[in-house]
């Protein structure tokens, strides 16, 4: 029996921001069947940074993203040394 993938709910709190002159996409989403929200920040090159922790609300996830970008700076999310590349790329 093939199990269907759950529908993904995207939060209205997802947004594009510019930090230190660099654009980022803050993606907040969850599976339709889940209560907790996932957080992902995508830089201008399409590099994705996904939080291991989940959040009880989409507002909490958005605030964590903004705080991380402001504290770490935009460059921390753009360094190639903290990215694990998939094979074949």
C-alpha atoms as a PDB file:
ATOM      1  CA  UNK A   1       0.000   0.000   0.000  1.00  0.00           C
ATOM      2  CA  UNK A   2       1.386   3.400  -0.991  1.00  0.00           C
ATOM      3  CA  UNK A   3       1.185   6.016   1.710  1.00  0.00           C
ATOM      4  CA  UNK A   4       0.131   9.479   0.526  1.00  0.00           C
ATOM      5  CA  UNK A   5       2.239  12.509   1.353  1.00  0.00           C
ATOM      6  CA  UNK A   6       0.452  14.915   3.710  1.00  0.00           C
ATOM      7  CA  UNK A   7      -0.638  18.302   2.440  1.00  0.00           C
ATOM      8  CA  UNK A   8       1.689  21.151   3.430  1.00  0.00           C
ATOM      9  CA  UNK A   9       0.236  24.248   5.083  1.00  0.00           C
ATOM     10  CA  UNK A  10       2.259  27.419   4.519  1.00  0.00           C
ATOM     11  CA  UNK A  11       1.947  30.155   7.127  1.00  0.00           C
ATOM     12  CA  UNK A  12       0.945  33.671   6.222  1.00  0.00           C
ATOM     13  CA  UNK A  13       3.914  34.704   8.386  1.00  0.00           C
ATOM     14  CA  UNK A  14       6.303  33.403   5.724  1.00  0.00           C
ATOM     15  CA  UNK A  15       7.982  36.396   4.152  1.00  0.00           C
ATOM     16  CA  UNK A  16      10.882  37.818   2.200  1.00  0.00           C
ATOM     17  CA  UNK A  17      13.257  40.085   4.106  1.00  0.00           C
ATOM     18  CA  UNK A  18      16.418  42.003   3.317  1.00  0.00           C
ATOM     19  CA  UNK A  19      19.137  41.852   5.963  1.00  0.00           C
ATOM     20  CA  UNK A  20      22.463  43.651   5.488  1.00  0.00           C
ATOM     21  CA  UNK A  21      21.468  44.177   1.848  1.00  0.00           C
ATOM     22  CA  UNK A  22      20.891  40.455   1.206  1.00  0.00           C
ATOM     23  CA  UNK A  23      17.465  38.956   0.428  1.00  0.00           C
ATOM     24  CA  UNK A  24      16.215  35.967   2.397  1.00  0.00           C
ATOM     25  CA  UNK A  25      13.028  33.966   2.278  1.00  0.00           C
ATOM     26  CA  UNK A  26      11.617  32.914   5.651  1.00  0.00           C
ATOM     27  CA  UNK A  27       9.508  29.816   5.064  1.00  0.00           C
ATOM     28  CA  UNK A  28       7.192  28.618   7.841  1.00  0.00           C
ATOM     29  CA  UNK A  29       5.152  25.499   7.196  1.00  0.00           C
ATOM     30  CA  UNK A  30       3.725  22.311   8.685  1.00  0.00           C
ATOM     31  CA  UNK A  31       2.101  19.119   7.541  1.00  0.00           C
ATOM     32  CA  UNK A  32      -1.675  19.392   7.559  1.00  0.00           C
ATOM     33  CA  UNK A  33      -1.813  16.666  10.199  1.00  0.00           C
ATOM     34  CA  UNK A  34       0.798  18.288  12.495  1.00  0.00           C
ATOM     35  CA  UNK A  35       0.342  21.019  15.077  1.00  0.00           C
ATOM     36  CA  UNK A  36       3.946  22.260  15.182  1.00  0.00           C
ATOM     37  CA  UNK A  37       5.549  24.552  12.611  1.00  0.00           C
ATOM     38  CA  UNK A  38       8.848  24.077  10.771  1.00  0.00           C
ATOM     39  CA  UNK A  39      11.208  26.950  10.003  1.00  0.00           C
ATOM     40  CA  UNK A  40      13.461  27.317   6.984  1.00  0.00           C
ATOM     41  CA  UNK A  41      15.536  30.268   5.798  1.00  0.00           C
ATOM     42  CA  UNK A  42      16.584  30.316   2.153  1.00  0.00           C
ATOM     43  CA  UNK A  43      19.313  32.692   0.954  1.00  0.00           C
ATOM     44  CA  UNK A  44      19.593  34.389  -2.429  1.00  0.00           C
ATOM     45  CA  UNK A  45      21.497  31.396  -3.860  1.00  0.00           C
ATOM     46  CA  UNK A  46      18.778  28.952  -2.821  1.00  0.00           C
ATOM     47  CA  UNK A  47      20.751  27.524   0.102  1.00  0.00           C
ATOM     48  CA  UNK A  48      18.319  26.232   2.706  1.00  0.00           C
ATOM     49  CA  UNK A  49      18.790  26.330   6.484  1.00  0.00           C
ATOM     50  CA  UNK A  50      16.173  24.265   8.329  1.00  0.00           C
ATOM     51  CA  UNK A  51      15.764  24.398  12.103  1.00  0.00           C
ATOM     52  CA  UNK A  52      15.851  21.087  13.954  1.00  0.00           C
ATOM     53  CA  UNK A  53      13.409  22.481  16.516  1.00  0.00           C
ATOM     54  CA  UNK A  54       9.733  22.853  15.751  1.00  0.00           C
ATOM     55  CA  UNK A  55       7.564  25.700  16.985  1.00  0.00           C
ATOM     56  CA  UNK A  56       4.171  25.782  18.682  1.00  0.00           C
ATOM     57  CA  UNK A  57       3.072  28.787  16.605  1.00  0.00           C
ATOM     58  CA  UNK A  58       3.999  30.324  13.288  1.00  0.00           C
ATOM     59  CA  UNK A  59       4.614  33.639  15.060  1.00  0.00           C
ATOM     60  CA  UNK A  60       7.171  31.957  17.319  1.00  0.00           C
ATOM     61  CA  UNK A  61       8.914  30.501  14.264  1.00  0.00           C
ATOM     62  CA  UNK A  62       9.025  33.866  12.477  1.00  0.00           C
ATOM     63  CA  UNK A  63      10.421  35.590  15.569  1.00  0.00           C
ATOM     64  CA  UNK A  64      13.141  32.922  15.879  1.00  0.00           C
ATOM     65  CA  UNK A  65      14.136  33.481  12.247  1.00  0.00           C
ATOM     66  CA  UNK A  66      14.380  37.256  12.579  1.00  0.00           C
ATOM     67  CA  UNK A  67      16.294  36.956  15.850  1.00  0.00           C
ATOM     68  CA  UNK A  68      18.770  34.460  14.363  1.00  0.00           C
ATOM     69  CA  UNK A  69      19.421  36.603  11.294  1.00  0.00           C
ATOM     70  CA  UNK A  70      19.855  39.755  13.383  1.00  0.00           C
ATOM     71  CA  UNK A  71      22.134  38.065  15.954  1.00  0.00           C
ATOM     72  CA  UNK A  72      24.209  35.994  13.535  1.00  0.00           C
ATOM     73  CA  UNK A  73      24.167  38.450  10.643  1.00  0.00           C
ATOM     74  CA  UNK A  74      23.285  37.691   7.063  1.00  0.00           C
ATOM     75  CA  UNK A  75      26.736  36.332   6.265  1.00  0.00           C
ATOM     76  CA  UNK A  76      26.313  33.444   8.744  1.00  0.00           C
ATOM     77  CA  UNK A  77      23.521  32.113   6.540  1.00  0.00           C
ATOM     78  CA  UNK A  78      25.545  32.548   3.373  1.00  0.00           C
ATOM     79  CA  UNK A  79      28.786  30.771   4.304  1.00  0.00           C
ATOM     80  CA  UNK A  80      29.485  27.630   2.328  1.00  0.00           C
ATOM     81  CA  UNK A  81      31.313  25.956   5.228  1.00  0.00           C
ATOM     82  CA  UNK A  82      28.137  25.192   7.168  1.00  0.00           C
ATOM     83  CA  UNK A  83      26.282  23.550   4.273  1.00  0.00           C
ATOM     84  CA  UNK A  84      26.128  19.846   3.596  1.00  0.00           C
ATOM     85  CA  UNK A  85      25.890  19.300  -0.142  1.00  0.00           C
ATOM     86  CA  UNK A  86      23.858  16.486  -1.606  1.00  0.00           C
ATOM     87  CA  UNK A  87      25.780  14.029  -3.733  1.00  0.00           C
ATOM     88  CA  UNK A  88      25.706  14.712  -7.421  1.00  0.00           C
ATOM     89  CA  UNK A  89      25.779  18.486  -7.058  1.00  0.00           C
END
